[in-house]
N, C-alpha and C. Protein backbone atom coordinates (compact mmCIF):
# COMPACT_ATOMS: atom_id res chain seq x y z
N MET A 1 -65.17 169.19 46.36
CA MET A 1 -63.85 168.61 46.14
C MET A 1 -64.00 167.36 45.28
N VAL A 2 -63.15 167.24 44.30
CA VAL A 2 -63.17 166.08 43.42
C VAL A 2 -62.46 164.94 44.12
N ARG A 3 -63.14 163.83 44.27
CA ARG A 3 -62.54 162.65 44.89
C ARG A 3 -62.11 161.64 43.84
N TYR A 4 -62.99 161.37 42.89
CA TYR A 4 -62.72 160.38 41.86
C TYR A 4 -63.06 160.97 40.51
N LEU A 5 -62.25 160.68 39.54
CA LEU A 5 -62.54 161.08 38.17
C LEU A 5 -62.58 159.82 37.34
N THR A 6 -63.51 159.75 36.45
CA THR A 6 -63.65 158.56 35.63
C THR A 6 -64.01 158.95 34.21
N LYS A 7 -63.63 158.14 33.27
CA LYS A 7 -63.94 158.42 31.88
C LYS A 7 -65.43 158.26 31.65
N SER A 8 -65.97 159.16 30.86
CA SER A 8 -67.38 159.11 30.53
C SER A 8 -67.58 159.76 29.18
N TYR A 9 -68.59 159.34 28.49
CA TYR A 9 -68.89 159.96 27.21
C TYR A 9 -70.03 160.96 27.32
N GLY A 10 -70.43 161.27 28.54
CA GLY A 10 -71.47 162.26 28.77
C GLY A 10 -70.82 163.62 28.95
N THR A 11 -71.37 164.40 29.88
CA THR A 11 -70.79 165.71 30.15
C THR A 11 -69.46 165.53 30.84
N GLY A 12 -68.49 166.36 30.52
CA GLY A 12 -67.15 166.18 31.05
C GLY A 12 -66.64 167.42 31.74
N LEU A 13 -65.38 167.37 32.08
CA LEU A 13 -64.70 168.51 32.65
C LEU A 13 -64.57 169.60 31.60
N THR A 14 -64.49 170.83 32.05
CA THR A 14 -64.25 171.91 31.10
C THR A 14 -62.80 171.84 30.63
N GLU A 15 -62.52 172.48 29.54
CA GLU A 15 -61.15 172.50 29.03
C GLU A 15 -60.21 173.17 30.03
N GLU A 16 -60.69 174.19 30.73
CA GLU A 16 -59.85 174.86 31.74
C GLU A 16 -59.53 173.92 32.89
N GLN A 17 -60.49 173.09 33.29
CA GLN A 17 -60.23 172.12 34.36
C GLN A 17 -59.20 171.08 33.91
N ILE A 18 -59.33 170.60 32.69
CA ILE A 18 -58.37 169.63 32.17
C ILE A 18 -56.98 170.26 32.07
N LYS A 19 -56.92 171.51 31.61
CA LYS A 19 -55.64 172.22 31.50
C LYS A 19 -54.99 172.34 32.88
N GLY A 20 -55.78 172.67 33.89
CA GLY A 20 -55.26 172.77 35.25
C GLY A 20 -54.71 171.46 35.76
N ILE A 21 -55.39 170.36 35.44
CA ILE A 21 -54.92 169.04 35.85
C ILE A 21 -53.57 168.74 35.20
N PHE A 22 -53.46 168.97 33.90
CA PHE A 22 -52.19 168.72 33.22
C PHE A 22 -51.07 169.59 33.81
N LYS A 23 -51.34 170.86 34.06
CA LYS A 23 -50.32 171.75 34.59
C LYS A 23 -49.85 171.31 35.98
N ARG A 24 -50.75 170.75 36.78
CA ARG A 24 -50.37 170.27 38.10
C ARG A 24 -49.36 169.13 38.03
N TYR A 25 -49.35 168.41 36.94
CA TYR A 25 -48.45 167.27 36.81
C TYR A 25 -47.12 167.62 36.16
N ASP A 26 -46.84 168.90 35.98
CA ASP A 26 -45.51 169.34 35.53
C ASP A 26 -44.59 169.25 36.74
N ALA A 27 -44.09 168.05 37.02
CA ALA A 27 -43.39 167.74 38.26
C ALA A 27 -42.16 168.61 38.50
N ASN A 28 -41.40 168.91 37.47
CA ASN A 28 -40.18 169.70 37.65
C ASN A 28 -40.40 171.19 37.39
N ARG A 29 -41.63 171.58 37.13
CA ARG A 29 -42.02 172.98 36.94
C ARG A 29 -41.19 173.70 35.88
N ASP A 30 -40.88 172.97 34.80
CA ASP A 30 -40.09 173.58 33.73
C ASP A 30 -40.96 174.18 32.63
N GLY A 31 -42.28 174.05 32.76
CA GLY A 31 -43.18 174.59 31.75
C GLY A 31 -43.45 173.64 30.60
N PHE A 32 -42.89 172.44 30.67
CA PHE A 32 -43.09 171.42 29.65
C PHE A 32 -43.63 170.16 30.30
N LEU A 33 -44.43 169.41 29.55
CA LEU A 33 -44.92 168.11 30.02
C LEU A 33 -44.26 167.02 29.21
N ASN A 34 -43.58 166.09 29.89
CA ASN A 34 -43.02 164.94 29.19
C ASN A 34 -44.02 163.79 29.26
N LYS A 35 -43.69 162.69 28.62
CA LYS A 35 -44.64 161.58 28.53
C LYS A 35 -45.00 161.04 29.92
N GLU A 36 -44.05 160.96 30.82
CA GLU A 36 -44.31 160.46 32.17
C GLU A 36 -45.28 161.38 32.92
N GLU A 37 -45.08 162.69 32.80
CA GLU A 37 -45.97 163.65 33.46
C GLU A 37 -47.38 163.57 32.87
N ILE A 38 -47.47 163.41 31.57
CA ILE A 38 -48.78 163.27 30.92
C ILE A 38 -49.43 161.96 31.36
N ARG A 39 -48.64 160.89 31.44
CA ARG A 39 -49.16 159.60 31.90
C ARG A 39 -49.73 159.73 33.32
N ASN A 40 -49.00 160.42 34.20
CA ASN A 40 -49.47 160.61 35.57
C ASN A 40 -50.77 161.41 35.61
N ALA A 41 -50.89 162.41 34.74
CA ALA A 41 -52.13 163.19 34.68
C ALA A 41 -53.29 162.32 34.22
N PHE A 42 -53.09 161.52 33.17
CA PHE A 42 -54.16 160.64 32.72
C PHE A 42 -54.50 159.59 33.78
N GLN A 43 -53.50 159.14 34.52
CA GLN A 43 -53.78 158.19 35.60
C GLN A 43 -54.66 158.84 36.65
N SER A 44 -54.40 160.10 36.99
CA SER A 44 -55.22 160.81 37.97
C SER A 44 -56.64 161.02 37.47
N LEU A 45 -56.80 161.05 36.15
CA LEU A 45 -58.13 161.20 35.56
C LEU A 45 -58.88 159.87 35.52
N GLY A 46 -58.22 158.79 35.93
CA GLY A 46 -58.88 157.49 35.98
C GLY A 46 -58.70 156.65 34.74
N SER A 47 -57.76 157.00 33.88
CA SER A 47 -57.54 156.22 32.67
C SER A 47 -57.09 154.82 33.02
N ARG A 48 -57.65 153.84 32.34
CA ARG A 48 -57.22 152.45 32.54
C ARG A 48 -55.90 152.18 31.83
N LEU A 49 -55.60 152.97 30.83
CA LEU A 49 -54.36 152.82 30.05
C LEU A 49 -53.65 154.17 29.96
N PRO A 50 -53.15 154.69 31.09
CA PRO A 50 -52.57 156.04 31.06
C PRO A 50 -51.34 156.16 30.16
N GLY A 51 -50.54 155.12 30.03
CA GLY A 51 -49.38 155.17 29.14
C GLY A 51 -49.80 155.31 27.69
N TYR A 52 -50.84 154.57 27.32
CA TYR A 52 -51.38 154.66 25.96
C TYR A 52 -51.94 156.06 25.71
N ARG A 53 -52.72 156.57 26.66
CA ARG A 53 -53.30 157.91 26.50
C ARG A 53 -52.21 158.97 26.39
N ALA A 54 -51.13 158.80 27.17
CA ALA A 54 -50.03 159.76 27.10
C ALA A 54 -49.38 159.73 25.72
N GLY A 55 -49.17 158.54 25.19
CA GLY A 55 -48.59 158.42 23.86
C GLY A 55 -49.47 159.02 22.79
N ARG A 56 -50.76 158.74 22.87
CA ARG A 56 -51.71 159.30 21.89
C ARG A 56 -51.80 160.82 22.05
N GLY A 57 -51.80 161.29 23.29
CA GLY A 57 -51.84 162.73 23.53
C GLY A 57 -50.62 163.43 22.96
N LEU A 58 -49.45 162.84 23.15
CA LEU A 58 -48.23 163.40 22.57
C LEU A 58 -48.31 163.42 21.05
N HIS A 59 -48.75 162.32 20.48
CA HIS A 59 -48.88 162.23 19.02
C HIS A 59 -49.82 163.32 18.50
N HIS A 60 -50.91 163.55 19.22
CA HIS A 60 -51.92 164.53 18.82
C HIS A 60 -51.41 165.97 18.96
N ALA A 61 -50.64 166.24 20.04
CA ALA A 61 -50.35 167.63 20.39
C ALA A 61 -48.92 168.10 20.14
N ASP A 62 -47.96 167.20 20.07
CA ASP A 62 -46.56 167.59 19.96
C ASP A 62 -46.21 167.95 18.52
N THR A 63 -46.52 169.18 18.15
CA THR A 63 -46.37 169.60 16.76
C THR A 63 -44.91 169.75 16.32
N ASN A 64 -44.01 170.07 17.26
CA ASN A 64 -42.61 170.23 16.86
C ASN A 64 -41.79 168.95 17.03
N GLY A 65 -42.41 167.90 17.54
CA GLY A 65 -41.77 166.59 17.60
C GLY A 65 -40.63 166.45 18.60
N ASP A 66 -40.58 167.31 19.62
CA ASP A 66 -39.49 167.22 20.60
C ASP A 66 -39.79 166.30 21.77
N GLY A 67 -40.97 165.68 21.78
CA GLY A 67 -41.34 164.77 22.85
C GLY A 67 -41.83 165.45 24.11
N LEU A 68 -42.05 166.76 24.02
CA LEU A 68 -42.53 167.55 25.15
C LEU A 68 -43.72 168.38 24.70
N ILE A 69 -44.59 168.68 25.65
CA ILE A 69 -45.72 169.57 25.38
C ILE A 69 -45.41 170.91 26.03
N ASP A 70 -45.32 171.95 25.22
CA ASP A 70 -45.10 173.29 25.75
C ASP A 70 -46.45 174.01 25.87
N ASN A 71 -46.42 175.26 26.31
CA ASN A 71 -47.67 176.00 26.52
C ASN A 71 -48.47 176.16 25.24
N GLU A 72 -47.79 176.33 24.11
CA GLU A 72 -48.50 176.47 22.84
C GLU A 72 -49.18 175.17 22.43
N GLU A 73 -48.57 174.04 22.75
CA GLU A 73 -49.12 172.74 22.39
C GLU A 73 -50.13 172.22 23.41
N LEU A 74 -50.15 172.84 24.59
CA LEU A 74 -51.03 172.37 25.66
C LEU A 74 -52.50 172.39 25.26
N ASN A 75 -52.90 173.39 24.50
CA ASN A 75 -54.31 173.46 24.08
C ASN A 75 -54.72 172.24 23.26
N ALA A 76 -53.82 171.75 22.41
CA ALA A 76 -54.13 170.56 21.62
C ALA A 76 -54.22 169.33 22.51
N LEU A 77 -53.38 169.25 23.55
CA LEU A 77 -53.46 168.13 24.50
C LEU A 77 -54.76 168.20 25.29
N VAL A 78 -55.14 169.40 25.70
CA VAL A 78 -56.40 169.59 26.42
C VAL A 78 -57.57 169.21 25.52
N GLU A 79 -57.51 169.60 24.26
CA GLU A 79 -58.56 169.23 23.30
C GLU A 79 -58.69 167.71 23.19
N TYR A 80 -57.55 167.02 23.16
CA TYR A 80 -57.56 165.55 23.13
C TYR A 80 -58.21 164.99 24.39
N GLY A 81 -57.83 165.52 25.56
CA GLY A 81 -58.43 165.06 26.81
C GLY A 81 -59.93 165.30 26.87
N ALA A 82 -60.36 166.45 26.37
CA ALA A 82 -61.80 166.75 26.34
C ALA A 82 -62.53 165.85 25.35
N LYS A 83 -61.88 165.57 24.23
CA LYS A 83 -62.50 164.74 23.19
C LYS A 83 -62.77 163.32 23.68
N ILE A 84 -61.84 162.78 24.48
CA ILE A 84 -62.05 161.41 24.96
C ILE A 84 -62.94 161.38 26.19
N GLY A 85 -63.29 162.55 26.74
CA GLY A 85 -64.35 162.72 27.71
C GLY A 85 -64.10 162.21 29.12
N TYR A 86 -63.63 163.08 29.99
CA TYR A 86 -63.50 162.75 31.41
C TYR A 86 -64.53 163.56 32.18
N THR A 87 -65.05 162.98 33.24
CA THR A 87 -66.11 163.64 33.99
C THR A 87 -65.89 163.44 35.49
N ILE A 88 -66.46 164.32 36.29
CA ILE A 88 -66.38 164.20 37.74
C ILE A 88 -67.39 163.17 38.20
N LYS A 89 -66.95 162.24 39.03
CA LYS A 89 -67.83 161.19 39.55
C LYS A 89 -68.32 161.55 40.93
């Protein structure tokens, strides 16, 4: 069981694990992630600046510019999360 997650530049979570974490934070279960839901996911990952990470993640992944991450854009958000490197502590 994962108790704490912290940012690391070593080995990290798999992309599937990161995707699962983001999907868990879809609070209203509408299939979209808004900035607040993304911020909450980054906070659970141990980000010191979850609001900043959410903004950068949206900028990186929101290709249609609607301010939401849909299933097609989720892979780009996961790629961003994997790139900045989170690992199980």
